[in-house]
Amino acid sequence: MSLEIEHKYLVENDSYLELATSSVHILQGYLSRTPEAVVRVRIADDRGFLTVKGKNTGDTRPEFEYPIPPEEARQLLRLCPGRILDKTRYIVPYRGHIWEVDIFHGDREGLRTAEIELPSSDTSYDLPPFAGRNVTGDPAYYNSNL
């Protein structure tokens, strides 16, 4: 089993743009959203993924991700109930860690979040200048609830 340990922050300024090394356009939807697990379909530029994430325990949850053909991902996105998230993800190295800054488009325009994945919950890290309020564990900021 693979575990995802992630901390999430709101983004409060554009300083991530100076630090970003790349970006990717992402479309994602959810085939299933229950308290026990979510099933996500994602297209990242020209690559497709199917991901299953289990229930959070603090900042940790089981995660299983599988590459799928992009055309199948497009077909699966059409089966997702609710909205399809549209965002640009910036990859931002900062003091030995990689941050992912998501800039949302469409009806979530203006929302900006930054995530860092960690090897353990007690891993220490420095906050970059763009990181604002910590929203780790706040269901209002889970992508599956947006």
C-alpha atoms as a PDB file:
ATOM      1  CA  MET A   1       0.000   0.000   0.000  1.00  0.00           C
ATOM      2  CA  SER A   2       1.200   3.489  -0.833  1.00  0.00           C
ATOM      3  CA  LEU A   3       0.669   6.327   1.649  1.00  0.00           C
ATOM      4  CA  GLU A   4       0.287  10.001   0.804  1.00  0.00           C
ATOM      5  CA  ILE A   5       1.392  12.427   3.520  1.00  0.00           C
ATOM      6  CA  GLU A   6       0.480  15.913   2.430  1.00  0.00           C
ATOM      7  CA  HIS A   7       0.216  19.395   3.913  1.00  0.00           C
ATOM      8  CA  LYS A   8      -1.831  22.073   2.149  1.00  0.00           C
ATOM      9  CA  TYR A   9      -1.756  25.865   2.376  1.00  0.00           C
ATOM     10  CA  LEU A  10      -3.560  28.733   0.747  1.00  0.00           C
ATOM     11  CA  VAL A  11      -1.352  30.805  -1.561  1.00  0.00           C
ATOM     12  CA  GLU A  12      -1.132  34.452  -0.603  1.00  0.00           C
ATOM     13  CA  ASN A  13       1.107  35.975  -3.287  1.00  0.00           C
ATOM     14  CA  ASP A  14       2.672  35.319  -6.705  1.00  0.00           C
ATOM     15  CA  SER A  15       6.247  34.640  -5.527  1.00  0.00           C
ATOM     16  CA  TYR A  16       5.876  30.982  -6.588  1.00  0.00           C
ATOM     17  CA  LEU A  17       6.119  32.156 -10.227  1.00  0.00           C
ATOM     18  CA  GLU A  18       9.756  33.197  -9.764  1.00  0.00           C
ATOM     19  CA  LEU A  19      10.631  29.827  -8.230  1.00  0.00           C
ATOM     20  CA  ALA A  20       8.622  27.474 -10.473  1.00  0.00           C
ATOM     21  CA  THR A  21      10.580  25.121 -12.730  1.00  0.00           C
ATOM     22  CA  SER A  22       7.623  23.818 -14.758  1.00  0.00           C
ATOM     23  CA  SER A  23       3.850  23.767 -15.018  1.00  0.00           C
ATOM     24  CA  VAL A  24       1.147  21.385 -16.226  1.00  0.00           C
ATOM     25  CA  HIS A  25      -2.502  21.865 -17.179  1.00  0.00           C
ATOM     26  CA  ILE A  26      -4.809  19.497 -15.257  1.00  0.00           C
ATOM     27  CA  LEU A  27      -8.413  18.450 -15.738  1.00  0.00           C
ATOM     28  CA  GLN A  28      -9.793  16.156 -13.050  1.00  0.00           C
ATOM     29  CA  GLY A  29     -13.092  14.705 -11.978  1.00  0.00           C
ATOM     30  CA  TYR A  30     -14.345  12.239  -9.426  1.00  0.00           C
ATOM     31  CA  LEU A  31     -16.142   9.005 -10.298  1.00  0.00           C
ATOM     32  CA  SER A  32     -16.837   8.331  -6.619  1.00  0.00           C
ATOM     33  CA  ARG A  33     -16.652  10.454  -3.468  1.00  0.00           C
ATOM     34  CA  THR A  34     -17.425   8.724  -0.201  1.00  0.00           C
ATOM     35  CA  PRO A  35     -15.938   9.272   3.264  1.00  0.00           C
ATOM     36  CA  GLU A  36     -14.047   5.990   2.882  1.00  0.00           C
ATOM     37  CA  ALA A  37     -12.542   6.563  -0.588  1.00  0.00           C
ATOM     38  CA  VAL A  38     -12.505   8.779  -3.650  1.00  0.00           C
ATOM     39  CA  VAL A  39     -11.833   7.665  -7.214  1.00  0.00           C
ATOM     40  CA  ARG A  40     -10.293  10.396  -9.354  1.00  0.00           C
ATOM     41  CA  VAL A  41      -9.691  10.660 -13.097  1.00  0.00           C
ATOM     42  CA  ARG A  42      -7.036  13.133 -14.225  1.00  0.00           C
ATOM     43  CA  ILE A  43      -5.562  14.381 -17.458  1.00  0.00           C
ATOM     44  CA  ALA A  44      -2.242  16.150 -16.910  1.00  0.00           C
ATOM     45  CA  ASP A  45      -1.242  17.722 -20.226  1.00  0.00           C
ATOM     46  CA  ASP A  46      -1.330  14.599 -22.427  1.00  0.00           C
ATOM     47  CA  ARG A  47      -1.174  11.886 -19.736  1.00  0.00           C
ATOM     48  CA  GLY A  48      -4.110  10.111 -18.095  1.00  0.00           C
ATOM     49  CA  PHE A  49      -4.347   8.758 -14.533  1.00  0.00           C
ATOM     50  CA  LEU A  50      -6.828   6.889 -12.386  1.00  0.00           C
ATOM     51  CA  THR A  51      -6.313   7.382  -8.650  1.00  0.00           C
ATOM     52  CA  VAL A  52      -7.962   5.880  -5.587  1.00  0.00           C
ATOM     53  CA  LYS A  53      -7.460   7.673  -2.267  1.00  0.00           C
ATOM     54  CA  GLY A  54      -8.598   6.278   1.069  1.00  0.00           C
ATOM     55  CA  LYS A  55      -9.864   8.093   4.126  1.00  0.00           C
ATOM     56  CA  ASN A  56      -7.607  10.689   5.752  1.00  0.00           C
ATOM     57  CA  THR A  57      -6.114  10.073   9.147  1.00  0.00           C
ATOM     58  CA  GLY A  58      -4.675  13.487   9.950  1.00  0.00           C
ATOM     59  CA  ASP A  59      -2.331  14.334   7.079  1.00  0.00           C
ATOM     60  CA  THR A  60      -2.009  10.726   5.841  1.00  0.00           C
ATOM     61  CA  ARG A  61      -4.113   8.526   3.586  1.00  0.00           C
ATOM     62  CA  PRO A  62      -3.657   5.489   1.342  1.00  0.00           C
ATOM     63  CA  GLU A  63      -3.207   6.356  -2.326  1.00  0.00           C
ATOM     64  CA  PHE A  64      -3.086   4.184  -5.436  1.00  0.00           C
ATOM     65  CA  GLU A  65      -2.392   5.838  -8.811  1.00  0.00           C
ATOM     66  CA  TYR A  66      -2.336   4.185 -12.223  1.00  0.00           C
ATOM     67  CA  PRO A  67      -1.473   5.647 -15.634  1.00  0.00           C
ATOM     68  CA  ILE A  68      -4.220   5.116 -18.226  1.00  0.00           C
ATOM     69  CA  PRO A  69      -4.444   6.079 -21.904  1.00  0.00           C
ATOM     70  CA  PRO A  70      -5.422   9.759 -22.301  1.00  0.00           C
ATOM     71  CA  GLU A  71      -8.431   8.921 -24.492  1.00  0.00           C
ATOM     72  CA  GLU A  72      -9.788   6.599 -21.796  1.00  0.00           C
ATOM     73  CA  ALA A  73      -9.253   9.355 -19.220  1.00  0.00           C
ATOM     74  CA  ARG A  74     -11.268  11.757 -21.414  1.00  0.00           C
ATOM     75  CA  GLN A  75     -14.078   9.200 -21.674  1.00  0.00           C
ATOM     76  CA  LEU A  76     -14.049   8.627 -17.905  1.00  0.00           C
ATOM     77  CA  LEU A  77     -14.167  12.388 -17.236  1.00  0.00           C
ATOM     78  CA  ARG A  78     -17.467  12.469 -19.134  1.00  0.00           C
ATOM     79  CA  LEU A  79     -18.846   9.921 -16.617  1.00  0.00           C
ATOM     80  CA  CYS A  80     -17.943  12.034 -13.571  1.00  0.00           C
ATOM     81  CA  PRO A  81     -20.910  13.575 -11.780  1.00  0.00           C
ATOM     82  CA  GLY A  82     -20.477  17.195 -10.762  1.00  0.00           C
ATOM     83  CA  ARG A  83     -17.880  19.642 -11.965  1.00  0.00           C
ATOM     84  CA  ILE A  84     -14.572  18.946 -13.623  1.00  0.00           C
ATOM     85  CA  LEU A  85     -11.731  20.844 -11.979  1.00  0.00           C
ATOM     86  CA  ASP A  86      -9.536  22.860 -14.323  1.00  0.00           C
ATOM     87  CA  LYS A  87      -6.221  24.066 -12.933  1.00  0.00           C
ATOM     88  CA  THR A  88      -2.620  24.847 -13.697  1.00  0.00           C
ATOM     89  CA  ARG A  89      -0.066  23.205 -11.410  1.00  0.00           C
ATOM     90  CA  TYR A  90       3.318  24.830 -10.897  1.00  0.00           C
ATOM     91  CA  ILE A  91       6.223  22.731  -9.620  1.00  0.00           C
ATOM     92  CA  VAL A  92       8.195  24.790  -7.112  1.00  0.00           C
ATOM     93  CA  PRO A  93      11.394  23.537  -5.472  1.00  0.00           C
ATOM     94  CA  TYR A  94      11.994  25.249  -2.136  1.00  0.00           C
ATOM     95  CA  ARG A  95      14.709  24.441   0.412  1.00  0.00           C
ATOM     96  CA  GLY A  96      14.978  20.735  -0.297  1.00  0.00           C
ATOM     97  CA  HIS A  97      11.291  20.014  -0.930  1.00  0.00           C
ATOM     98  CA  ILE A  98       8.958  20.150  -3.912  1.00  0.00           C
ATOM     99  CA  TRP A  99       5.806  22.246  -3.633  1.00  0.00           C
ATOM    100  CA  GLU A 100       2.876  21.968  -6.034  1.00  0.00           C
ATOM    101  CA  VAL A 101       0.981  25.226  -6.469  1.00  0.00           C
ATOM    102  CA  ASP A 102      -2.481  24.827  -8.023  1.00  0.00           C
ATOM    103  CA  ILE A 103      -4.130  27.815  -9.695  1.00  0.00           C
ATOM    104  CA  PHE A 104      -7.791  27.046 -10.341  1.00  0.00           C
ATOM    105  CA  HIS A 105      -9.735  28.197 -13.402  1.00  0.00           C
ATOM    106  CA  GLY A 106     -13.424  28.383 -14.309  1.00  0.00           C
ATOM    107  CA  ASP A 107     -15.898  28.574 -11.450  1.00  0.00           C
ATOM    108  CA  ARG A 108     -13.053  28.191  -8.920  1.00  0.00           C
ATOM    109  CA  GLU A 109     -11.084  31.110 -10.440  1.00  0.00           C
ATOM    110  CA  GLY A 110      -9.095  32.885  -7.746  1.00  0.00           C
ATOM    111  CA  LEU A 111      -8.518  29.822  -5.555  1.00  0.00           C
ATOM    112  CA  ARG A 112      -4.811  29.063  -5.151  1.00  0.00           C
ATOM    113  CA  THR A 113      -3.413  26.248  -3.020  1.00  0.00           C
ATOM    114  CA  ALA A 114       0.083  24.901  -2.337  1.00  0.00           C
ATOM    115  CA  GLU A 115       0.811  21.315  -1.306  1.00  0.00           C
ATOM    116  CA  ILE A 116       3.900  19.560  -0.085  1.00  0.00           C
ATOM    117  CA  GLU A 117       4.190  15.761   0.078  1.00  0.00           C
ATOM    118  CA  LEU A 118       6.347  14.473   2.894  1.00  0.00           C
ATOM    119  CA  PRO A 119       8.036  11.170   3.756  1.00  0.00           C
ATOM    120  CA  SER A 120       6.585  11.306   7.297  1.00  0.00           C
ATOM    121  CA  SER A 121       4.184  13.480   9.279  1.00  0.00           C
ATOM    122  CA  ASP A 122       6.957  14.804  11.497  1.00  0.00           C
ATOM    123  CA  THR A 123       9.241  15.891   8.638  1.00  0.00           C
ATOM    124  CA  SER A 124      10.249  19.504   9.167  1.00  0.00           C
ATOM    125  CA  TYR A 125      10.202  22.004   6.319  1.00  0.00           C
ATOM    126  CA  ASP A 126      10.454  25.719   5.743  1.00  0.00           C
ATOM    127  CA  LEU A 127       7.416  27.588   4.503  1.00  0.00           C
ATOM    128  CA  PRO A 128       7.975  29.391   1.216  1.00  0.00           C
ATOM    129  CA  PRO A 129       7.017  33.077   0.976  1.00  0.00           C
ATOM    130  CA  PHE A 130       3.826  32.266  -0.952  1.00  0.00           C
ATOM    131  CA  ALA A 131       2.400  29.907   1.714  1.00  0.00           C
ATOM    132  CA  GLY A 132      -0.452  31.399   3.729  1.00  0.00           C
ATOM    133  CA  ARG A 133      -2.971  29.741   6.032  1.00  0.00           C
ATOM    134  CA  ASN A 134      -2.525  26.015   6.676  1.00  0.00           C
ATOM    135  CA  VAL A 135      -5.678  24.186   5.483  1.00  0.00           C
ATOM    136  CA  THR A 136      -4.386  20.620   5.920  1.00  0.00           C
ATOM    137  CA  GLY A 137      -7.284  18.417   6.953  1.00  0.00           C
ATOM    138  CA  ASP A 138      -9.933  21.035   6.156  1.00  0.00           C
ATOM    139  CA  PRO A 139     -12.501  19.210   3.975  1.00  0.00           C
ATOM    140  CA  ALA A 140     -13.504  22.503   2.330  1.00  0.00           C
ATOM    141  CA  TYR A 141     -10.154  22.425   0.503  1.00  0.00           C
ATOM    142  CA  TYR A 142     -10.110  18.766  -0.561  1.00  0.00           C
ATOM    143  CA  ASN A 143     -10.117  18.749  -4.355  1.00  0.00           C
ATOM    144  CA  SER A 144     -12.910  16.178  -4.247  1.00  0.00           C
ATOM    145  CA  ASN A 145     -15.107  18.759  -2.471  1.00  0.00           C
ATOM    146  CA  LEU A 146     -14.272  21.670  -4.742  1.00  0.00           C
END
